[in-house]
Amino acid sequence: MARPPARRGVAVHWVEPRLVGEIEYRSFSAGGGFRHPSWRGLRPDREPGEVRRPA
C-alpha cells in the first residue's frame, strides 16, 4: 500500500486499515482528493486489501 506524502512539521502516526467505508463523490480534484464526498456507510462484506481506486 502506498503511503500518503509526509507533511513537514506535523506529527504523524500511521495505522493499518481494518474497516472499509463506502462514499459517493462527484469527481477527483487536481490533487487526487474526492470532490463533494458523502458517507454511505461501512462495508462489512469487504476487506481493506480488496479496495481499489476507480479509474
PDB file of N, CA and C in Angstrom:
ATOM      1  N   MET A   1       0.841  -1.170   0.000  1.00  0.00           N
ATOM      2  CA  MET A   1       0.000   0.000   0.000  1.00  0.00           C
ATOM      3  C   MET A   1       0.891   1.240   0.000  1.00  0.00           C
ATOM      4  N   ALA A   2       0.554   2.191  -0.845  1.00  0.00           N
ATOM      5  CA  ALA A   2       1.330   3.427  -0.913  1.00  0.00           C
ATOM      6  C   ALA A   2       1.006   4.323   0.280  1.00  0.00           C
ATOM      7  N   ARG A   3       2.002   4.995   0.769  1.00  0.00           N
ATOM      8  CA  ARG A   3       1.804   5.920   1.887  1.00  0.00           C
ATOM      9  C   ARG A   3       1.514   7.322   1.362  1.00  0.00           C
ATOM     10  N   PRO A   4       0.657   8.048   2.049  1.00  0.00           N
ATOM     11  CA  PRO A   4       0.426   9.448   1.662  1.00  0.00           C
ATOM     12  C   PRO A   4       1.704  10.266   1.843  1.00  0.00           C
ATOM     13  N   PRO A   5       1.850  11.368   1.125  1.00  0.00           N
ATOM     14  CA  PRO A   5       3.059  12.181   1.274  1.00  0.00           C
ATOM     15  C   PRO A   5       3.180  12.751   2.682  1.00  0.00           C
ATOM     16  N   ALA A   6       4.408  12.813   3.173  1.00  0.00           N
ATOM     17  CA  ALA A   6       4.668  13.360   4.508  1.00  0.00           C
ATOM     18  C   ALA A   6       4.521  14.876   4.483  1.00  0.00           C
ATOM     19  N   ARG A   7       4.051  15.436   5.573  1.00  0.00           N
ATOM     20  CA  ARG A   7       3.949  16.887   5.700  1.00  0.00           C
ATOM     21  C   ARG A   7       4.961  17.345   6.727  1.00  0.00           C
ATOM     22  N   ARG A   8       5.668  18.367   6.400  1.00  0.00           N
ATOM     23  CA  ARG A   8       6.690  18.884   7.318  1.00  0.00           C
ATOM     24  C   ARG A   8       6.049  19.546   8.520  1.00  0.00           C
ATOM     25  N   GLY A   9       6.620  19.294   9.691  1.00  0.00           N
ATOM     26  CA  GLY A   9       6.166  19.943  10.900  1.00  0.00           C
ATOM     27  C   GLY A   9       4.912  19.350  11.517  1.00  0.00           C
ATOM     28  N   VAL A  10       4.433  18.228  10.989  1.00  0.00           N
ATOM     29  CA  VAL A  10       3.227  17.604  11.521  1.00  0.00           C
ATOM     30  C   VAL A  10       3.583  16.214  12.024  1.00  0.00           C
ATOM     31  N   ALA A  11       3.217  15.923  13.279  1.00  0.00           N
ATOM     32  CA  ALA A  11       3.442  14.584  13.820  1.00  0.00           C
ATOM     33  C   ALA A  11       2.425  13.627  13.202  1.00  0.00           C
ATOM     34  N   VAL A  12       2.892  12.494  12.694  1.00  0.00           N
ATOM     35  CA  VAL A  12       2.035  11.536  12.013  1.00  0.00           C
ATOM     36  C   VAL A  12       2.192  10.168  12.652  1.00  0.00           C
ATOM     37  N   HIS A  13       1.087   9.469  12.814  1.00  0.00           N
ATOM     38  CA  HIS A  13       1.094   8.101  13.318  1.00  0.00           C
ATOM     39  C   HIS A  13       0.316   7.246  12.327  1.00  0.00           C
ATOM     40  N   TRP A  14       0.999   6.365  11.595  1.00  0.00           N
ATOM     41  CA  TRP A  14       0.358   5.530  10.583  1.00  0.00           C
ATOM     42  C   TRP A  14      -0.301   4.327  11.240  1.00  0.00           C
ATOM     43  N   VAL A  15      -1.443   3.924  10.712  1.00  0.00           N
ATOM     44  CA  VAL A  15      -2.165   2.750  11.198  1.00  0.00           C
ATOM     45  C   VAL A  15      -2.517   1.858  10.009  1.00  0.00           C
ATOM     46  N   GLU A  16      -2.785   0.598  10.280  1.00  0.00           N
ATOM     47  CA  GLU A  16      -3.226  -0.334   9.243  1.00  0.00           C
ATOM     48  C   GLU A  16      -4.755  -0.268   9.154  1.00  0.00           C
ATOM     49  N   PRO A  17      -5.313  -0.268   7.948  1.00  0.00           N
ATOM     50  CA  PRO A  17      -6.775  -0.224   7.826  1.00  0.00           C
ATOM     51  C   PRO A  17      -7.406  -1.525   8.311  1.00  0.00           C
ATOM     52  N   ARG A  18      -8.546  -1.410   9.002  1.00  0.00           N
ATOM     53  CA  ARG A  18      -9.286  -2.577   9.480  1.00  0.00           C
ATOM     54  C   ARG A  18     -10.727  -2.574   9.005  1.00  0.00           C
ATOM     55  N   LEU A  19     -11.243  -1.382   8.717  1.00  0.00           N
ATOM     56  CA  LEU A  19     -12.632  -1.240   8.284  1.00  0.00           C
ATOM     57  C   LEU A  19     -12.675  -0.660   6.877  1.00  0.00           C
ATOM     58  N   VAL A  20     -13.762  -0.927   6.175  1.00  0.00           N
ATOM     59  CA  VAL A  20     -13.978  -0.364   4.838  1.00  0.00           C
ATOM     60  C   VAL A  20     -15.263   0.443   4.876  1.00  0.00           C
ATOM     61  N   GLY A  21     -15.180   1.672   4.416  1.00  0.00           N
ATOM     62  CA  GLY A  21     -16.354   2.522   4.308  1.00  0.00           C
ATOM     63  C   GLY A  21     -16.635   2.831   2.854  1.00  0.00           C
ATOM     64  N   GLU A  22     -17.875   3.150   2.565  1.00  0.00           N
ATOM     65  CA  GLU A  22     -18.268   3.494   1.207  1.00  0.00           C
ATOM     66  C   GLU A  22     -18.666   4.971   1.158  1.00  0.00           C
ATOM     67  N   ILE A  23     -18.197   5.671   0.127  1.00  0.00           N
ATOM     68  CA  ILE A  23     -18.582   7.058  -0.094  1.00  0.00           C
ATOM     69  C   ILE A  23     -19.098   7.214  -1.511  1.00  0.00           C
ATOM     70  N   GLU A  24     -19.867   8.262  -1.714  1.00  0.00           N
ATOM     71  CA  GLU A  24     -20.279   8.671  -3.045  1.00  0.00           C
ATOM     72  C   GLU A  24     -19.590  10.003  -3.301  1.00  0.00           C
ATOM     73  N   TYR A  25     -19.153  10.264  -4.525  1.00  0.00           N
ATOM     74  CA  TYR A  25     -18.433  11.501  -4.830  1.00  0.00           C
ATOM     75  C   TYR A  25     -18.713  11.916  -6.265  1.00  0.00           C
ATOM     76  N   ARG A  26     -18.467  13.197  -6.563  1.00  0.00           N
ATOM     77  CA  ARG A  26     -18.725  13.721  -7.907  1.00  0.00           C
ATOM     78  C   ARG A  26     -17.558  13.476  -8.866  1.00  0.00           C
ATOM     79  N   SER A  27     -16.340  13.762  -8.406  1.00  0.00           N
ATOM     80  CA  SER A  27     -15.152  13.602  -9.247  1.00  0.00           C
ATOM     81  C   SER A  27     -13.922  13.680  -8.353  1.00  0.00           C
ATOM     82  N   PHE A  28     -12.753  13.622  -8.974  1.00  0.00           N
ATOM     83  CA  PHE A  28     -11.492  13.778  -8.259  1.00  0.00           C
ATOM     84  C   PHE A  28     -10.971  15.194  -8.457  1.00  0.00           C
ATOM     85  N   SER A  29     -10.350  15.761  -7.436  1.00  0.00           N
ATOM     86  CA  SER A  29      -9.740  17.080  -7.559  1.00  0.00           C
ATOM     87  C   SER A  29      -8.397  16.944  -8.266  1.00  0.00           C
ATOM     88  N   ALA A  30      -7.796  18.067  -8.630  1.00  0.00           N
ATOM     89  CA  ALA A  30      -6.490  18.053  -9.291  1.00  0.00           C
ATOM     90  C   ALA A  30      -5.435  17.397  -8.400  1.00  0.00           C
ATOM     91  N   GLY A  31      -5.588  17.503  -7.083  1.00  0.00           N
ATOM     92  CA  GLY A  31      -4.645  16.898  -6.155  1.00  0.00           C
ATOM     93  C   GLY A  31      -4.920  15.442  -5.847  1.00  0.00           C
ATOM     94  N   GLY A  32      -5.974  14.868  -6.439  1.00  0.00           N
ATOM     95  CA  GLY A  32      -6.276  13.456  -6.239  1.00  0.00           C
ATOM     96  C   GLY A  32      -7.288  13.172  -5.144  1.00  0.00           C
ATOM     97  N   GLY A  33      -7.837  14.216  -4.523  1.00  0.00           N
ATOM     98  CA  GLY A  33      -8.847  14.021  -3.487  1.00  0.00           C
ATOM     99  C   GLY A  33     -10.242  13.903  -4.088  1.00  0.00           C
ATOM    100  N   PHE A  34     -11.214  13.599  -3.252  1.00  0.00           N
ATOM    101  CA  PHE A  34     -12.597  13.485  -3.705  1.00  0.00           C
ATOM    102  C   PHE A  34     -13.290  14.843  -3.664  1.00  0.00           C
ATOM    103  N   ARG A  35     -14.105  15.120  -4.666  1.00  0.00           N
ATOM    104  CA  ARG A  35     -14.919  16.336  -4.681  1.00  0.00           C
ATOM    105  C   ARG A  35     -16.340  15.965  -4.248  1.00  0.00           C
ATOM    106  N   HIS A  36     -16.864  16.699  -3.278  1.00  0.00           N
ATOM    107  CA  HIS A  36     -18.227  16.523  -2.773  1.00  0.00           C
ATOM    108  C   HIS A  36     -18.499  15.099  -2.288  1.00  0.00           C
ATOM    109  N   PRO A  37     -17.652  14.555  -1.404  1.00  0.00           N
ATOM    110  CA  PRO A  37     -17.918  13.199  -0.918  1.00  0.00           C
ATOM    111  C   PRO A  37     -19.062  13.177   0.100  1.00  0.00           C
ATOM    112  N   SER A  38     -19.789  12.079   0.122  1.00  0.00           N
ATOM    113  CA  SER A  38     -20.807  11.861   1.149  1.00  0.00           C
ATOM    114  C   SER A  38     -20.690  10.422   1.637  1.00  0.00           C
ATOM    115  N   TRP A  39     -20.819  10.261   2.929  1.00  0.00           N
ATOM    116  CA  TRP A  39     -20.654   8.973   3.596  1.00  0.00           C
ATOM    117  C   TRP A  39     -21.861   8.081   3.321  1.00  0.00           C
ATOM    118  N   ARG A  40     -21.617   6.850   2.880  1.00  0.00           N
ATOM    119  CA  ARG A  40     -22.689   5.897   2.609  1.00  0.00           C
ATOM    120  C   ARG A  40     -22.795   4.836   3.705  1.00  0.00           C
ATOM    121  N   GLY A  41     -21.690   4.547   4.376  1.00  0.00           N
ATOM    122  CA  GLY A  41     -21.740   3.566   5.455  1.00  0.00           C
ATOM    123  C   GLY A  41     -20.572   2.600   5.407  1.00  0.00           C
ATOM    124  N   LEU A  42     -20.511   1.733   6.410  1.00  0.00           N
ATOM    125  CA  LEU A  42     -19.473   0.705   6.467  1.00  0.00           C
ATOM    126  C   LEU A  42     -19.826  -0.448   5.542  1.00  0.00           C
ATOM    127  N   ARG A  43     -18.781  -1.149   5.069  1.00  0.00           N
ATOM    128  CA  ARG A  43     -18.956  -2.308   4.191  1.00  0.00           C
ATOM    129  C   ARG A  43     -18.361  -3.537   4.862  1.00  0.00           C
ATOM    130  N   PRO A  44     -19.137  -4.211   5.719  1.00  0.00           N
ATOM    131  CA  PRO A  44     -18.602  -5.395   6.407  1.00  0.00           C
ATOM    132  C   PRO A  44     -18.322  -6.555   5.456  1.00  0.00           C
ATOM    133  N   ASP A  45     -18.835  -6.506   4.217  1.00  0.00           N
ATOM    134  CA  ASP A  45     -18.612  -7.560   3.237  1.00  0.00           C
ATOM    135  C   ASP A  45     -17.300  -7.392   2.476  1.00  0.00           C
ATOM    136  N   ARG A  46     -16.532  -6.346   2.762  1.00  0.00           N
ATOM    137  CA  ARG A  46     -15.262  -6.075   2.068  1.00  0.00           C
ATOM    138  C   ARG A  46     -14.106  -6.047   3.050  1.00  0.00           C
ATOM    139  N   GLU A  47     -12.934  -6.434   2.570  1.00  0.00           N
ATOM    140  CA  GLU A  47     -11.691  -6.353   3.335  1.00  0.00           C
ATOM    141  C   GLU A  47     -10.875  -5.185   2.796  1.00  0.00           C
ATOM    142  N   PRO A  48     -10.074  -4.513   3.635  1.00  0.00           N
ATOM    143  CA  PRO A  48      -9.282  -3.374   3.163  1.00  0.00           C
ATOM    144  C   PRO A  48      -8.391  -3.693   1.959  1.00  0.00           C
ATOM    145  N   GLY A  49      -7.863  -4.894   1.872  1.00  0.00           N
ATOM    146  CA  GLY A  49      -6.996  -5.264   0.751  1.00  0.00           C
ATOM    147  C   GLY A  49      -7.708  -5.373  -0.576  1.00  0.00           C
ATOM    148  N   GLU A  50      -9.032  -5.456  -0.568  1.00  0.00           N
ATOM    149  CA  GLU A  50      -9.818  -5.564  -1.796  1.00  0.00           C
ATOM    150  C   GLU A  50     -10.104  -4.209  -2.443  1.00  0.00           C
ATOM    151  N   VAL A  51      -9.952  -3.135  -1.693  1.00  0.00           N
ATOM    152  CA  VAL A  51     -10.352  -1.807  -2.158  1.00  0.00           C
ATOM    153  C   VAL A  51      -9.356  -1.251  -3.167  1.00  0.00           C
ATOM    154  N   ARG A  52      -9.887  -0.747  -4.285  1.00  0.00           N
ATOM    155  CA  ARG A  52      -9.073  -0.112  -5.313  1.00  0.00           C
ATOM    156  C   ARG A  52      -9.696   1.217  -5.685  1.00  0.00           C
ATOM    157  N   ARG A  53      -8.862   2.161  -6.075  1.00  0.00           N
ATOM    158  CA  ARG A  53      -9.356   3.461  -6.545  1.00  0.00           C
ATOM    159  C   ARG A  53      -9.933   3.297  -7.937  1.00  0.00           C
ATOM    160  N   PRO A  54     -11.127   3.853  -8.188  1.00  0.00           N
ATOM    161  CA  PRO A  54     -11.728   3.758  -9.522  1.00  0.00           C
ATOM    162  C   PRO A  54     -10.867   4.457 -10.577  1.00  0.00           C
ATOM    163  N   ALA A  55     -10.958   3.975 -11.788  1.00  0.00           N
ATOM    164  CA  ALA A  55     -10.183   4.560 -12.892  1.00  0.00           C
ATOM    165  C   ALA A  55     -10.732   5.891 -13.321  1.00  0.00           C
TER     166      ALA A  55
END
